[in-house]
Amino acid sequence: MVVFFFLIGLEVRQEFAHGSLRDRSRAGLALIAGVAGVVLRALVYVLLVGLAGGQGLHGWGAVVGTDTAFMLGTLAIVGPRLSGQLRVFLLTLTVVDDFLAVSIIGIVYSEEIRIVPLLIALASLVGLWLLGRTRQWRAMPYVLIVIVLWLATVYSGIHASLAGMAAGLLIPAYATQRHGVVAARQLFRDFWQSPSAASARAVDCGLSQGISVNERLHEFLRLPTALLIVPVFALANAGVDLRGGLLAEAFGSPVTWGVIAGLVLGKLLGIGLTTLVAVRLGLGRLPEGVGMGSVFGGAALSGIGFTVSLLIIGLAFGTTSDLGRQATVGVLVSMMLATLLGWLIFKVAARRWGEENADLPMVLEPPVDPEVDHIRGPEDAQLTLVEYVDFECEYCAHATGSWEDLRAHFGDDLRYVVRHLPHHPHGPIAARASEAASNQGMFWPWLDFVFTRQHALEREDLIGYAAELGLDVDRFIADLDSPAVIERVERDLASAVASGAHATPTFFVEGRRLRGSYDARSVTAALEASRRGIRTQEVPS
């Protein structure tokens, strides 16, 4: 399972680098709820087993973990129809959950510690840190050190899962930079013009440098872990012979009930109530679109311990001992109860509080208004594409050139609408400048011009561009900070929030938010699918 926990560590590092854990208020809420959930689960188990005599007390670690894969799979079946934001919140919780679980495994359930292998393991961790600090982009040095770390940890007597998590946390993750993509494109162009083994290798290296080693390792290990490692571990450890009165014996055992109560009730109350109190006290905030009913439903599903619980049961009791088999029955029963409880809470939340979804809005709000919006193409075109842009965003359609591909493909069948979503440092003033240009009938020439000059968007630069484009500079400067222009940009910002757009570029095809890739080919496919739907509706019945 060291690979499984290594994968979790990679995911945690990604969340800290450019995911949900970058938002301190949300990360803080997840940290509080995750720690409270672990502590309360352990207390519930210790209380029940302790009151019954204390036999099996050292198995308390079996209730601390959550099986992320099973939980998310169950959420897709019994959860809200759209649950993307709830999924992110629960993933953040399980990050805390799994980190604590692995720490408990490494500290509580490890064997006698051997100093020399432990020192080698610590040196390996330092080596991983140094590779990250020097921005080493090749994966092989990391892999070799991780293998040394794994072997040293095994021989040191510490459970290797701790090494896997620690190694994953030290593999650097960063958002893809535009200059890396541009460099890779140039290398591919060189290969296209003169194909050779050397240029092919250069392309391969260029692509690798553009994506962090963390993401490349994660992509390489994700499917083998999900399809091979976790299922094999589950099959090897979850088998329980229920003959011979084991069920009656298990349901009469405080260990079984300690596991059930710890996983199901401990999770529900620890995560749900702590989140509720923390939000009320202003200690954090929930993701947009997620209500407390959905939080309690997700907290119930977090009671699915499975792989992590089975691993700790094997370490604490051994899977073939009586206590081990009783605890395993508790884990399996907890999976069923947690699923049923989660389903029930989601149903109640939908009917009583209207929480039918736990995700960002999908529909454009307000709809396109030709009197207000900036439209390129015929106003009565068959298809409508809306893009929320930031003039400093390197991946918006005008920055990448994908808009030209779309215009060439659809011609007058497409109307293209731009709305503002400034979130980069120079985004707000650049958005206001475009509206100042719009007041002189130059919005689209301004947009095309400025997207080729994203590196220089200071106030003086923008005023200089106005002069280059032949605008009335005095009027441009006056409009740049006028209440009407500021209100126009804020209107688009409010529209972005209401429509579920929180980053750029965000596209809406026929009024519905496009999810997934936003390259020209993907956007074209979405528009073509929408056009086929329109033509189907136009066919007489």
Protein backbone atom coordinates (compact mmCIF):
# COMPACT_ATOMS: atom_id res chain seq x y z
CA MET A 1 0.00 0.00 0.00
CA VAL A 2 3.01 2.33 0.01
CA VAL A 3 2.17 3.32 -3.59
CA PHE A 4 -1.41 4.11 -2.56
CA PHE A 5 -0.24 6.46 0.19
CA PHE A 6 2.43 7.94 -2.10
CA LEU A 7 -0.39 8.81 -4.51
CA ILE A 8 -2.34 10.46 -1.69
CA GLY A 9 0.74 12.49 -0.78
CA LEU A 10 1.05 13.66 -4.40
CA GLU A 11 -2.60 14.76 -4.36
CA VAL A 12 -2.14 16.63 -1.09
CA ARG A 13 0.86 18.52 -2.50
CA GLN A 14 -1.18 19.46 -5.58
CA GLU A 15 -4.00 20.79 -3.41
CA PHE A 16 -1.55 22.97 -1.47
CA ALA A 17 0.13 24.21 -4.66
CA HIS A 18 -2.85 25.10 -6.83
CA GLY A 19 -5.95 23.44 -5.39
CA SER A 20 -8.51 23.89 -2.65
CA LEU A 21 -5.93 24.07 0.15
CA ARG A 22 -4.61 27.38 -1.23
CA ASP A 23 -7.73 29.07 0.14
CA ARG A 24 -6.91 29.45 3.82
CA SER A 25 -10.51 29.82 4.97
CA ARG A 26 -11.58 26.60 3.24
CA ALA A 27 -8.39 24.75 4.10
CA GLY A 28 -8.76 25.84 7.73
CA LEU A 29 -12.33 24.59 7.87
CA ALA A 30 -11.30 21.23 6.40
CA LEU A 31 -8.40 20.99 8.85
CA ILE A 32 -10.65 21.68 11.85
CA ALA A 33 -13.35 19.25 10.70
CA GLY A 34 -10.83 16.57 9.71
CA VAL A 35 -8.99 16.65 13.04
CA ALA A 36 -12.26 16.72 14.99
CA GLY A 37 -13.56 13.76 13.00
CA VAL A 38 -10.44 11.70 13.73
CA VAL A 39 -10.41 12.57 17.43
CA LEU A 40 -14.12 11.91 17.99
CA ARG A 41 -14.01 8.58 16.15
CA ALA A 42 -11.11 7.39 18.26
CA LEU A 43 -12.83 8.56 21.46
CA VAL A 44 -16.06 6.74 20.56
CA TYR A 45 -14.14 3.50 19.93
CA VAL A 46 -12.06 3.83 23.11
CA LEU A 47 -15.16 4.64 25.18
CA LEU A 48 -17.21 1.66 23.96
CA VAL A 49 -14.38 -0.88 24.08
CA GLY A 50 -13.00 0.51 27.34
CA LEU A 51 -16.36 0.27 29.12
CA ALA A 52 -16.63 -3.35 27.96
CA GLY A 53 -13.35 -4.40 29.57
CA GLY A 54 -10.72 -2.96 27.26
CA GLN A 55 -9.91 -6.06 25.17
CA GLY A 56 -8.99 -4.82 21.70
CA LEU A 57 -8.39 -1.24 22.86
CA HIS A 58 -5.18 -0.98 20.82
CA GLY A 59 -7.24 -1.30 17.63
CA TRP A 60 -8.56 2.27 17.94
CA GLY A 61 -6.64 3.30 14.83
CA ALA A 62 -8.98 1.21 12.67
CA VAL A 63 -11.65 3.92 12.83
CA VAL A 64 -9.57 6.97 11.92
CA GLY A 65 -9.23 6.60 8.14
CA THR A 66 -11.51 7.08 5.15
CA ASP A 67 -11.37 5.12 1.91
CA THR A 68 -11.33 8.03 -0.53
CA ALA A 69 -12.04 5.97 -3.65
CA PHE A 70 -15.02 4.11 -2.16
CA MET A 71 -16.40 7.29 -0.61
CA LEU A 72 -16.28 9.27 -3.86
CA GLY A 73 -17.73 6.36 -5.82
CA THR A 74 -20.60 6.10 -3.35
CA LEU A 75 -21.12 9.88 -3.50
CA ALA A 76 -21.57 9.62 -7.27
CA ILE A 77 -24.35 7.06 -6.73
CA VAL A 78 -26.28 8.36 -3.70
CA GLY A 79 -25.24 12.03 -3.59
CA PRO A 80 -26.69 15.12 -5.28
CA ARG A 81 -26.99 15.10 -9.07
CA LEU A 82 -24.20 17.68 -9.32
CA SER A 83 -21.71 17.42 -6.48
CA GLY A 84 -18.43 18.84 -7.78
CA GLN A 85 -17.94 21.37 -4.98
CA LEU A 86 -18.95 18.88 -2.28
CA ARG A 87 -16.47 16.44 -3.79
CA VAL A 88 -13.68 19.02 -3.46
CA PHE A 89 -14.64 19.66 0.18
CA LEU A 90 -14.66 15.95 1.01
CA LEU A 91 -11.36 15.42 -0.79
CA THR A 92 -9.84 18.18 1.32
CA LEU A 93 -11.19 16.48 4.43
CA THR A 94 -9.73 13.14 3.43
CA VAL A 95 -6.37 14.81 2.86
CA VAL A 96 -6.30 15.67 6.58
CA ASP A 97 -7.87 12.33 7.42
CA ASP A 98 -5.38 10.21 5.53
CA PHE A 99 -2.39 12.22 6.71
CA LEU A 100 -3.38 11.63 10.34
CA ALA A 101 -4.16 7.96 9.63
CA VAL A 102 -0.76 7.38 8.04
CA SER A 103 0.96 9.20 10.90
CA ILE A 104 -0.83 6.94 13.38
CA ILE A 105 0.21 3.86 11.40
CA GLY A 106 3.83 4.99 11.32
CA ILE A 107 4.01 5.97 14.99
CA VAL A 108 1.63 3.63 16.83
CA TYR A 109 1.75 0.43 14.78
CA SER A 110 5.39 0.30 13.77
CA GLU A 111 7.80 -2.35 15.05
CA GLU A 112 11.07 -1.84 16.91
CA ILE A 113 12.95 1.10 15.39
CA ARG A 114 16.42 0.53 13.84
CA ILE A 115 18.56 3.66 13.82
CA VAL A 116 20.78 3.22 10.72
CA PRO A 117 17.95 2.52 8.23
CA LEU A 118 15.97 5.35 9.85
CA LEU A 119 18.85 7.77 9.23
CA ILE A 120 19.01 6.63 5.59
CA ALA A 121 15.26 7.24 5.29
CA LEU A 122 15.63 10.74 6.74
CA ALA A 123 18.51 11.46 4.35
CA SER A 124 16.29 10.32 1.47
CA LEU A 125 13.60 12.79 2.53
CA VAL A 126 16.21 15.55 2.56
CA GLY A 127 17.28 14.45 -0.93
CA LEU A 128 13.70 14.75 -2.20
CA TRP A 129 13.45 18.21 -0.69
CA LEU A 130 16.69 19.30 -2.36
CA LEU A 131 15.54 18.00 -5.74
CA GLY A 132 12.39 20.07 -5.39
CA ARG A 133 14.32 23.17 -4.36
CA THR A 134 16.57 22.87 -7.42
CA ARG A 135 13.48 22.48 -9.68
CA GLN A 136 14.63 19.13 -11.01
CA TRP A 137 12.05 18.25 -13.68
CA ARG A 138 13.14 14.71 -14.53
CA ALA A 139 11.11 12.03 -12.75
CA MET A 140 13.81 9.36 -12.49
CA PRO A 141 15.90 10.99 -9.69
CA TYR A 142 12.76 11.26 -7.56
CA VAL A 143 11.77 7.66 -8.27
CA LEU A 144 15.21 6.31 -7.32
CA ILE A 145 15.25 8.22 -4.03
CA VAL A 146 11.68 7.11 -3.22
CA ILE A 147 12.72 3.47 -3.72
CA VAL A 148 15.68 3.96 -1.35
CA LEU A 149 13.34 5.67 1.13
CA TRP A 150 10.85 2.80 0.95
CA LEU A 151 13.49 0.10 1.54
CA ALA A 152 15.12 2.07 4.37
CA THR A 153 11.75 2.62 6.05
CA VAL A 154 10.85 -1.07 5.84
CA TYR A 155 14.18 -2.08 7.41
CA SER A 156 13.90 0.65 10.06
CA GLY A 157 10.75 -0.93 11.49
CA ILE A 158 8.48 2.02 10.65
CA HIS A 159 5.48 1.18 8.50
CA ALA A 160 6.24 2.09 4.88
CA SER A 161 2.91 3.92 4.43
CA LEU A 162 4.36 6.86 6.35
CA ALA A 163 7.29 7.02 3.93
CA GLY A 164 4.89 6.93 0.98
CA MET A 165 2.86 9.86 2.28
CA ALA A 166 5.96 11.90 3.21
CA ALA A 167 7.57 11.28 -0.18
CA GLY A 168 4.43 12.35 -2.03
CA LEU A 169 4.29 15.57 -0.02
CA LEU A 170 7.87 16.42 -1.04
CA ILE A 171 7.39 15.95 -4.81
CA PRO A 172 7.02 19.51 -6.19
CA ALA A 173 3.76 20.57 -7.82
CA TYR A 174 3.12 23.82 -9.65
CA ALA A 175 0.68 25.23 -12.16
CA THR A 176 1.71 24.94 -15.80
CA GLN A 177 3.40 28.14 -16.94
CA ARG A 178 2.62 29.69 -20.29
CA HIS A 179 6.28 30.10 -21.27
CA GLY A 180 6.78 26.35 -20.89
CA VAL A 181 3.85 25.63 -23.19
CA VAL A 182 5.17 28.11 -25.77
CA ALA A 183 8.63 26.55 -25.63
CA ALA A 184 7.16 23.06 -26.14
CA ARG A 185 5.16 24.32 -29.11
CA GLN A 186 8.32 25.68 -30.72
CA LEU A 187 10.09 22.35 -30.17
CA PHE A 188 7.19 20.51 -31.78
CA ARG A 189 7.32 22.92 -34.70
CA ASP A 190 11.02 22.11 -35.11
CA PHE A 191 10.17 18.40 -35.13
CA TRP A 192 7.40 18.95 -37.69
CA GLN A 193 9.79 20.81 -39.98
CA SER A 194 12.69 18.38 -39.52
CA PRO A 195 11.64 15.06 -37.92
CA SER A 196 14.53 13.24 -36.29
CA ALA A 197 15.30 11.25 -33.16
CA ALA A 198 17.04 14.26 -31.62
CA SER A 199 14.14 16.64 -32.24
CA ALA A 200 11.66 14.01 -31.01
CA ARG A 201 13.62 13.69 -27.77
CA ALA A 202 13.69 17.48 -27.46
CA VAL A 203 9.89 17.56 -27.80
CA ASP A 204 9.52 14.87 -25.15
CA CYS A 205 11.79 16.76 -22.74
CA GLY A 206 10.03 20.04 -23.49
CA LEU A 207 6.61 18.57 -22.74
CA SER A 208 7.91 17.04 -19.52
CA GLN A 209 9.34 20.35 -18.35
CA GLY A 210 5.99 22.04 -18.93
CA ILE A 211 4.15 19.75 -16.47
CA SER A 212 5.27 19.31 -12.87
CA VAL A 213 6.89 15.99 -11.95
CA ASN A 214 4.17 15.59 -9.31
CA GLU A 215 1.39 15.59 -11.89
CA ARG A 216 3.31 13.29 -14.24
CA LEU A 217 3.91 10.72 -11.50
CA HIS A 218 0.30 11.03 -10.36
CA GLU A 219 -0.99 10.41 -13.88
CA PHE A 220 1.34 7.41 -14.29
CA LEU A 221 0.34 5.77 -10.98
CA ARG A 222 -3.35 6.67 -10.80
CA LEU A 223 -4.84 3.88 -12.91
CA PRO A 224 -2.52 1.05 -11.74
CA THR A 225 -3.28 2.01 -8.14
CA ALA A 226 -7.04 2.18 -8.67
CA LEU A 227 -7.32 -0.91 -10.88
CA LEU A 228 -4.66 -3.19 -9.37
CA ILE A 229 -3.10 -2.24 -6.04
CA VAL A 230 -6.21 -1.24 -4.08
CA PRO A 231 -8.45 -4.08 -5.39
CA VAL A 232 -5.76 -6.71 -4.73
CA PHE A 233 -5.26 -5.39 -1.20
CA ALA A 234 -9.01 -5.34 -0.58
CA LEU A 235 -9.48 -8.89 -1.88
CA ALA A 236 -6.57 -10.14 0.20
CA ASN A 237 -7.78 -8.56 3.42
CA ALA A 238 -11.57 -8.22 3.29
CA GLY A 239 -12.38 -11.90 3.03
CA VAL A 240 -14.17 -13.14 6.13
CA ASP A 241 -15.65 -16.61 6.57
CA LEU A 242 -19.07 -15.91 8.07
CA ARG A 243 -19.73 -19.56 8.84
CA GLY A 244 -19.35 -21.03 12.28
CA GLY A 245 -21.32 -18.35 14.06
CA LEU A 246 -18.93 -15.48 13.29
CA LEU A 247 -21.77 -12.98 12.79
CA ALA A 248 -23.32 -13.75 16.15
CA GLU A 249 -19.90 -13.63 17.76
CA ALA A 250 -19.05 -10.34 16.02
CA PHE A 251 -22.29 -8.60 16.95
CA GLY A 252 -21.69 -9.60 20.54
CA SER A 253 -18.20 -8.12 20.49
CA PRO A 254 -17.48 -4.58 21.73
CA VAL A 255 -14.72 -4.34 19.11
CA THR A 256 -17.27 -4.74 16.30
CA TRP A 257 -19.58 -2.13 17.79
CA GLY A 258 -16.66 0.15 18.56
CA VAL A 259 -15.65 0.07 14.90
CA ILE A 260 -19.24 0.64 13.71
CA ALA A 261 -19.93 3.48 16.13
CA GLY A 262 -16.55 5.08 15.55
CA LEU A 263 -16.77 5.04 11.76
CA VAL A 264 -20.46 5.88 11.34
CA LEU A 265 -21.43 8.08 14.31
CA GLY A 266 -17.96 9.45 15.01
CA LYS A 267 -17.54 10.61 11.42
CA LEU A 268 -21.05 12.05 11.13
CA LEU A 269 -20.90 14.04 14.36
CA GLY A 270 -17.21 14.87 14.29
CA ILE A 271 -17.20 16.30 10.77
CA GLY A 272 -20.80 17.54 10.54
CA LEU A 273 -21.17 19.30 13.89
CA THR A 274 -17.64 20.70 13.86
CA THR A 275 -18.18 22.17 10.39
CA LEU A 276 -21.49 23.69 11.47
CA VAL A 277 -19.99 25.31 14.57
CA ALA A 278 -16.86 26.50 12.72
CA VAL A 279 -18.93 28.17 9.98
CA ARG A 280 -21.22 29.82 12.55
CA LEU A 281 -18.18 31.17 14.44
CA GLY A 282 -16.61 32.48 11.24
CA LEU A 283 -13.61 30.15 11.45
CA GLY A 284 -13.98 29.10 7.81
CA ARG A 285 -16.38 28.99 4.91
CA LEU A 286 -17.93 26.27 2.83
CA PRO A 287 -17.33 25.98 -0.91
CA GLU A 288 -19.82 27.85 -3.06
CA GLY A 289 -22.97 25.84 -3.71
CA VAL A 290 -22.52 23.49 -0.73
CA GLY A 291 -25.10 23.56 2.08
CA MET A 292 -24.94 22.07 5.56
CA GLY A 293 -27.29 19.24 4.58
CA SER A 294 -24.81 18.13 1.93
CA VAL A 295 -21.98 18.44 4.46
CA PHE A 296 -23.75 16.07 6.86
CA GLY A 297 -24.44 13.66 3.99
CA GLY A 298 -20.77 13.73 3.01
CA ALA A 299 -19.76 13.31 6.65
CA ALA A 300 -21.88 10.16 6.81
CA LEU A 301 -20.20 8.75 3.68
CA SER A 302 -16.82 9.45 5.27
CA GLY A 303 -17.63 6.53 7.55
CA ILE A 304 -16.53 4.22 4.73
CA GLY A 305 -13.12 3.19 6.07
CA PHE A 306 -12.43 -0.04 4.14
CA THR A 307 -8.82 -0.18 2.84
CA VAL A 308 -7.28 2.08 5.49
CA SER A 309 -9.29 0.40 8.26
CA LEU A 310 -8.40 -3.09 7.03
CA LEU A 311 -4.72 -2.15 6.90
CA ILE A 312 -4.73 -1.00 10.52
CA ILE A 313 -6.78 -4.01 11.65
CA GLY A 314 -4.12 -6.25 10.15
CA LEU A 315 -1.41 -4.35 12.01
CA ALA A 316 -3.29 -4.20 15.32
CA PHE A 317 -4.90 -7.65 15.51
CA GLY A 318 -3.89 -9.70 12.50
CA THR A 319 -6.63 -10.50 10.01
CA THR A 320 -7.02 -14.15 11.11
CA SER A 321 -7.40 -13.56 14.84
CA ASP A 322 -10.85 -13.44 16.45
CA LEU A 323 -10.56 -9.74 17.17
CA GLY A 324 -9.31 -9.10 13.64
CA ARG A 325 -12.28 -10.90 12.08
CA GLN A 326 -14.73 -9.13 14.39
CA ALA A 327 -13.24 -5.75 13.52
CA THR A 328 -13.40 -6.61 9.80
CA VAL A 329 -17.12 -7.39 10.13
CA GLY A 330 -17.50 -3.98 11.79
CA VAL A 331 -15.80 -2.29 8.84
CA LEU A 332 -18.03 -4.06 6.29
CA VAL A 333 -21.20 -3.27 8.25
CA SER A 334 -20.06 0.35 8.59
CA MET A 335 -19.79 0.64 4.81
CA MET A 336 -23.43 -0.35 4.39
CA LEU A 337 -24.70 1.80 7.25
CA ALA A 338 -22.68 4.84 6.16
CA THR A 339 -24.02 4.51 2.62
CA LEU A 340 -27.65 4.22 3.78
CA LEU A 341 -27.27 7.09 6.24
CA GLY A 342 -25.64 9.31 3.63
CA TRP A 343 -28.39 8.54 1.09
CA LEU A 344 -31.08 9.37 3.66
CA ILE A 345 -29.46 12.68 4.64
CA PHE A 346 -29.04 13.73 1.00
CA LYS A 347 -32.72 12.97 0.35
CA VAL A 348 -33.84 14.98 3.38
CA ALA A 349 -31.53 17.87 2.44
CA ALA A 350 -32.98 17.96 -1.09
CA ARG A 351 -36.61 17.89 0.02
CA ARG A 352 -36.42 20.02 3.16
CA TRP A 353 -33.75 22.59 2.24
CA GLY A 354 -33.75 22.38 -1.55
CA GLU A 355 -30.15 21.14 -1.74
CA GLU A 356 -30.61 19.21 -4.98
CA ASN A 357 -27.07 20.08 -6.09
CA ALA A 358 -23.80 20.68 -4.29
CA ASP A 359 -21.87 22.34 -7.07
CA LEU A 360 -21.29 25.66 -8.75
CA PRO A 361 -24.16 26.91 -10.97
CA MET A 362 -24.09 25.61 -14.53
CA VAL A 363 -26.41 28.09 -16.27
CA LEU A 364 -25.32 31.52 -17.55
CA GLU A 365 -26.88 34.28 -15.46
CA PRO A 366 -28.06 36.69 -16.74
CA PRO A 367 -28.54 35.51 -20.33
CA VAL A 368 -26.81 37.34 -23.17
CA ASP A 369 -28.26 40.82 -23.71
CA PRO A 370 -27.30 42.50 -27.02
CA GLU A 371 -27.94 45.89 -25.42
CA VAL A 372 -25.30 45.30 -22.75
CA ASP A 373 -22.93 42.49 -23.74
CA HIS A 374 -20.00 42.69 -26.13
CA ILE A 375 -20.91 40.49 -29.10
CA ARG A 376 -18.73 39.55 -32.07
CA GLY A 377 -20.64 38.02 -34.96
CA PRO A 378 -24.30 38.19 -35.99
CA GLU A 379 -26.63 38.87 -33.04
CA ASP A 380 -29.08 36.28 -34.40
CA ALA A 381 -26.43 33.58 -34.99
CA GLN A 382 -27.45 29.97 -34.43
CA LEU A 383 -24.82 29.33 -31.74
CA THR A 384 -23.63 31.41 -28.79
CA LEU A 385 -20.30 31.09 -27.02
CA VAL A 386 -19.65 33.20 -23.91
CA GLU A 387 -16.14 33.50 -22.47
CA TYR A 388 -15.18 35.06 -19.15
CA VAL A 389 -11.75 36.60 -19.65
CA ASP A 390 -8.93 38.35 -17.85
CA PHE A 391 -6.60 40.39 -20.04
CA GLU A 392 -3.63 38.99 -18.11
CA CYS A 393 -4.80 35.36 -18.52
CA GLU A 394 -2.42 33.45 -20.78
CA TYR A 395 -4.96 30.76 -21.64
CA CYS A 396 -7.92 32.84 -22.79
CA ALA A 397 -9.06 32.24 -26.35
CA HIS A 398 -7.48 35.40 -27.76
CA ALA A 399 -4.18 34.69 -26.01
CA THR A 400 -3.89 31.14 -27.35
CA GLY A 401 -5.35 31.80 -30.79
CA SER A 402 -8.15 29.28 -30.32
CA TRP A 403 -10.70 32.01 -31.09
CA GLU A 404 -9.35 32.21 -34.65
CA ASP A 405 -9.88 28.45 -35.06
CA LEU A 406 -13.47 28.76 -33.81
CA ARG A 407 -14.25 31.68 -36.11
CA ALA A 408 -12.78 29.86 -39.11
CA HIS A 409 -14.85 26.75 -38.34
CA PHE A 410 -18.26 28.30 -37.62
CA GLY A 411 -18.20 31.61 -39.48
CA ASP A 412 -21.48 33.52 -39.15
CA ASP A 413 -23.15 30.61 -37.36
CA LEU A 414 -21.44 31.69 -34.14
CA ARG A 415 -21.78 34.78 -31.99
CA TYR A 416 -18.99 35.22 -29.48
CA VAL A 417 -19.58 37.11 -26.22
CA VAL A 418 -16.91 38.36 -23.81
CA ARG A 419 -17.50 39.10 -20.13
CA HIS A 420 -14.96 40.24 -17.57
CA LEU A 421 -13.59 38.12 -14.73
CA PRO A 422 -10.42 39.96 -13.64
CA HIS A 423 -8.44 38.05 -11.03
CA HIS A 424 -4.81 38.69 -11.99
CA PRO A 425 -2.94 41.71 -10.55
CA HIS A 426 -3.51 43.92 -13.61
CA GLY A 427 -6.86 42.38 -14.51
CA PRO A 428 -9.17 45.03 -12.97
CA ILE A 429 -7.55 48.06 -14.60
CA ALA A 430 -7.22 46.23 -17.93
CA ALA A 431 -10.94 45.37 -17.83
CA ARG A 432 -11.84 49.00 -17.10
CA ALA A 433 -9.57 50.12 -19.93
CA SER A 434 -11.44 47.87 -22.37
CA GLU A 435 -14.73 49.43 -21.28
CA ALA A 436 -13.24 52.89 -21.70
CA ALA A 437 -12.28 51.87 -25.24
CA SER A 438 -15.79 50.44 -25.72
CA ASN A 439 -17.24 53.87 -24.96
CA GLN A 440 -15.49 55.00 -28.15
CA GLY A 441 -16.69 52.00 -30.16
CA MET A 442 -13.31 50.23 -30.02
CA PHE A 443 -13.87 47.27 -27.71
CA TRP A 444 -12.95 44.50 -30.16
CA PRO A 445 -9.92 46.26 -31.72
CA TRP A 446 -8.76 47.00 -28.15
CA LEU A 447 -9.22 43.38 -27.09
CA ASP A 448 -7.29 42.02 -30.08
CA PHE A 449 -4.52 44.58 -29.57
CA VAL A 450 -4.05 44.24 -25.80
CA PHE A 451 -4.09 40.42 -25.76
CA THR A 452 -0.85 40.59 -27.74
CA ARG A 453 0.69 42.81 -25.06
CA GLN A 454 -0.15 40.96 -21.86
CA HIS A 455 3.32 41.55 -20.45
CA ALA A 456 2.73 45.32 -20.12
CA LEU A 457 -0.59 46.30 -18.52
CA GLU A 458 0.35 49.13 -16.20
CA ARG A 459 -1.79 52.27 -16.29
CA GLU A 460 0.78 54.14 -18.39
CA ASP A 461 0.96 51.22 -20.83
CA LEU A 462 -2.81 51.21 -21.31
CA ILE A 463 -2.91 54.96 -21.92
CA GLY A 464 -0.15 54.48 -24.50
CA TYR A 465 -2.19 51.77 -26.25
CA ALA A 466 -5.16 54.14 -26.40
CA ALA A 467 -3.00 56.65 -28.24
CA GLU A 468 -1.67 53.96 -30.62
CA LEU A 469 -5.23 52.93 -31.49
CA GLY A 470 -6.23 56.52 -32.19
CA LEU A 471 -8.60 56.93 -29.25
CA ASP A 472 -9.42 60.24 -27.61
CA VAL A 473 -6.86 59.89 -24.82
CA ASP A 474 -8.35 62.54 -22.52
CA ARG A 475 -11.76 60.89 -22.70
CA PHE A 476 -10.14 57.46 -22.23
CA ILE A 477 -8.38 58.60 -19.04
CA ALA A 478 -11.60 60.15 -17.70
CA ASP A 479 -13.58 56.96 -18.39
CA LEU A 480 -10.93 54.67 -16.93
CA ASP A 481 -11.99 55.41 -13.34
CA SER A 482 -15.55 56.56 -13.97
CA PRO A 483 -18.37 55.06 -11.83
CA ALA A 484 -20.17 53.83 -14.96
CA VAL A 485 -17.15 51.84 -16.17
CA ILE A 486 -16.47 50.42 -12.70
CA GLU A 487 -20.14 49.41 -12.41
CA ARG A 488 -19.97 47.73 -15.85
CA VAL A 489 -17.03 45.54 -14.81
CA GLU A 490 -18.64 44.75 -11.44
CA ARG A 491 -21.78 43.66 -13.30
CA ASP A 492 -19.76 41.04 -15.14
CA LEU A 493 -18.11 39.95 -11.88
CA ALA A 494 -21.52 39.44 -10.28
CA SER A 495 -22.60 37.51 -13.37
CA ALA A 496 -19.53 35.26 -13.04
CA VAL A 497 -20.38 34.41 -9.43
CA ALA A 498 -24.03 33.74 -10.29
CA SER A 499 -22.98 31.53 -13.22
CA GLY A 500 -20.35 29.48 -11.39
CA ALA A 501 -17.35 30.97 -13.20
CA HIS A 502 -14.43 31.38 -10.82
CA ALA A 503 -11.39 31.28 -13.11
CA THR A 504 -10.41 32.21 -16.64
CA PRO A 505 -11.06 31.13 -19.21
CA THR A 506 -14.56 29.85 -18.46
CA PHE A 507 -16.81 29.10 -21.44
CA PHE A 508 -20.58 28.81 -21.74
CA VAL A 509 -21.98 26.97 -24.76
CA GLU A 510 -25.59 27.89 -25.42
CA GLY A 511 -25.93 29.16 -21.87
CA ARG A 512 -24.40 26.15 -20.08
CA ARG A 513 -20.96 26.09 -18.50
CA LEU A 514 -18.41 23.97 -20.36
CA ARG A 515 -16.61 21.52 -18.10
CA GLY A 516 -13.28 19.90 -18.83
CA SER A 517 -10.82 20.91 -21.54
CA TYR A 518 -11.20 24.28 -23.24
CA ASP A 519 -8.89 23.90 -26.24
CA ALA A 520 -10.32 24.82 -29.64
CA ARG A 521 -11.09 21.20 -30.53
CA SER A 522 -13.04 20.59 -27.29
CA VAL A 523 -15.00 23.84 -27.58
CA THR A 524 -15.75 23.09 -31.24
CA ALA A 525 -17.04 19.62 -30.30
CA ALA A 526 -19.31 21.12 -27.62
CA LEU A 527 -20.69 23.70 -30.06
CA GLU A 528 -21.26 21.04 -32.73
CA ALA A 529 -23.08 18.84 -30.22
CA SER A 530 -25.26 21.81 -29.30
CA ARG A 531 -25.93 22.51 -32.98
CA ARG A 532 -27.00 18.91 -33.55
CA GLY A 533 -29.40 19.26 -30.63
CA ILE A 534 -30.85 22.44 -32.10
CA ARG A 535 -31.34 20.80 -35.50
CA THR A 536 -33.03 17.81 -33.86
CA GLN A 537 -35.49 20.13 -32.13
CA GLU A 538 -36.23 21.87 -35.44
CA VAL A 539 -37.23 18.62 -37.17
CA PRO A 540 -41.07 18.54 -37.44
CA SER A 541 -42.74 15.83 -35.39
